[in-house]
Each structure stands twice: as structure tokens, then as C-alpha cells.
Amino acid sequence: MLQSMTGFAAIKGQFESYSWSIDLRSVNAKGLDLRLRVPDWIDGLEPAIRAVMAKSLSRGAISLSLRVSKEEEQGALDLNKGQISAVLEALRGIEEIAGDMGVHLAPSKASDLLSIRGVLETSADKDDSKALAKAIVAQIPNLIDELQKMRRAEGQALDEVLLKQLSLVENLTKQAGVAAESRREETTAIFKANLARVLENTEGADANRVAQELAIIAVKTDIMEELDRLFAHVGAARDLIAAGSPAGRKLDFLMQEFNREANTLCSKAQSVELTRIGLDLKAVIDQMREQVQNVE
């Protein structure tokens, strides 16, 4: 089964006082393009998520957005001795400078020191972000599984659409064969007229040049080669779809070959009916190519 590059998944999680939500979106791209929006204060989170995603996904422009929130909590109070020492040393320096300048300072109180940032901490301030990162990364495989489910569902729909379009191409190719057969007498008459015109002007002409001109006239009126290749391309496309993803790049190349044959058929048509069929073929092929852009 084919797999689409289009999909969406979301998941929520919680660890201690933290909660988060993650959105994962995927659209078509030539290769794998991972775009992550995660908080930079969680150590090692982005490279860890990127590594997990790169192992499971092979193609698509994939955007991940993580939002983390934290519940306010009353943790145990701790004194930061290192910060206190630094503050007291700074105060001593200030008092020395003030004394040298003859400036009298009011005595500092303990409550003044406690209001300085970093002196008094709660246990919540000391949370290890590595543990939080580990909890978030553990959810990424489940998130990717949800994304892949949606991409497979989209791929099944692509299967059906592409197979219907291939049947249309096959039917139009058969119609072109019937139209070419029905105009065989007319084509033969045109060829004979062109041949007579060439032969009337062959006196003194190079025999090889005459043969080349005759070959060109014959090629310009024969579309069977193009029809055979169109039938072959239909078979090849069906085989790729049956084999399943990854097949997007091969199908995209095949669409170019389809288009080339349809263009050649139109240029050789020399009849209203064949021109109509050729234009219908080009329209269906263009629709197929749009769908193939989403195939992984």
C-alpha cells in the first residue's frame, strides 16, 4: 500500500509538576525536512527527538511543536550557601567603599538578603530537566505511530484515486488505438500522396536523402510506438502501487514519461479525434502527477 506524506497527530503528557502537548504535522517534500519547536531550557531535548524521528520517517516536511507548562507548587525552602557568600562579600566591599567616602550605611537585615534572587530556593527550582526530557522523548514513538496511521489512511485513498486514473489512461490509450486504426485508410492515402510528391522531385536527388524523407513521413503518421509505451507505463505504475511505499520518486519519474508520450501523440495526431484523446490524456496525467506529489 502507498503511504501519503500528509498527516497530523497530537499527544499530551505529564511528569511530576510538568504537563505538555505536542503537535506533529506532515506535508509533502522531496526529502526529509524536520522542523522542531521545543523549549531551549530543556537540556538535550531537540537532538533526542530529532534522532527518534529520523529513524522512523523517511520523507516529508515534518513540523513538531511542543508546549510545556508547570504547576505552581510549594517546595521545601533551601538556602543557597554559595550565593549567600557572594552577596555578603559584595556587601563587605560596598561598606568598605562607603566608609572610605565617609558615607554611613544602615545595617543590612537578614530579610533583605533573603529577597535577593538566588539566595532562597525551593526544591522545585532544582528540577533536573534531563528527567523531563526523557519523559517527553519516551512519548515520541507513540506520536509518530499516530502520524503514520493517518498517512497510511491517506495513502489508501491515494491508491484508489491513482488506480482509477490509470484505468482512465488505459481506456484513452485504447481509444487512441481504435481511432488510429479507423483512420488507417486516410493515413495510407496521405502517405501515398506525400510519397508521390517526393518521388516527383527525386530527379538528381541523393538516394539516401530521399529514403530519410520517406522515413520521416512514415514516423510522423505512426503512433503505435507511443501507445505501446503508454500501456507499458500503466503496467509499471500499477506494479509500483501494488509494491507500496516508498514509491513516490519512481512514480513521479513515471508521470514525466506518461506526459512525454501524450505530448508526442498530440503532435502526431493529424486528426480531430486523436487530438481530443491526446488532450484528455494530458489532463488525466496532470491530475495523477498532482496526487503522486503526496506519495512517500
Foldseek 3Di string as FASTA:
>chain_A
DFFFQFFKFKDKDDDDQKIKIKIKTWFFDPWEAEAEADDPVQPPQPVLLVVVCVVPDTGTHMYMYMDMDGDDDAADKDFDVVVLVVVVVVVVVVVVVCVVVVHDDDDDDPVVVVVDPPGMDGVVVVDRSPVVSVVVSVCSVVRVVNGRVRRVVVLVVLLVLLLVLLVVLLVLLVVLVVVLVVCVVVLVVVLVVVLVVLVVPCVVNDPVVSVVVSVVSVVLQDLVVLSVVSVVLSVVVNVLSVVYPPPLVVVLVSLVVQLVSLVSQCSSVPDPSSVVSSVVSNVSSVVNNVSSSRTD
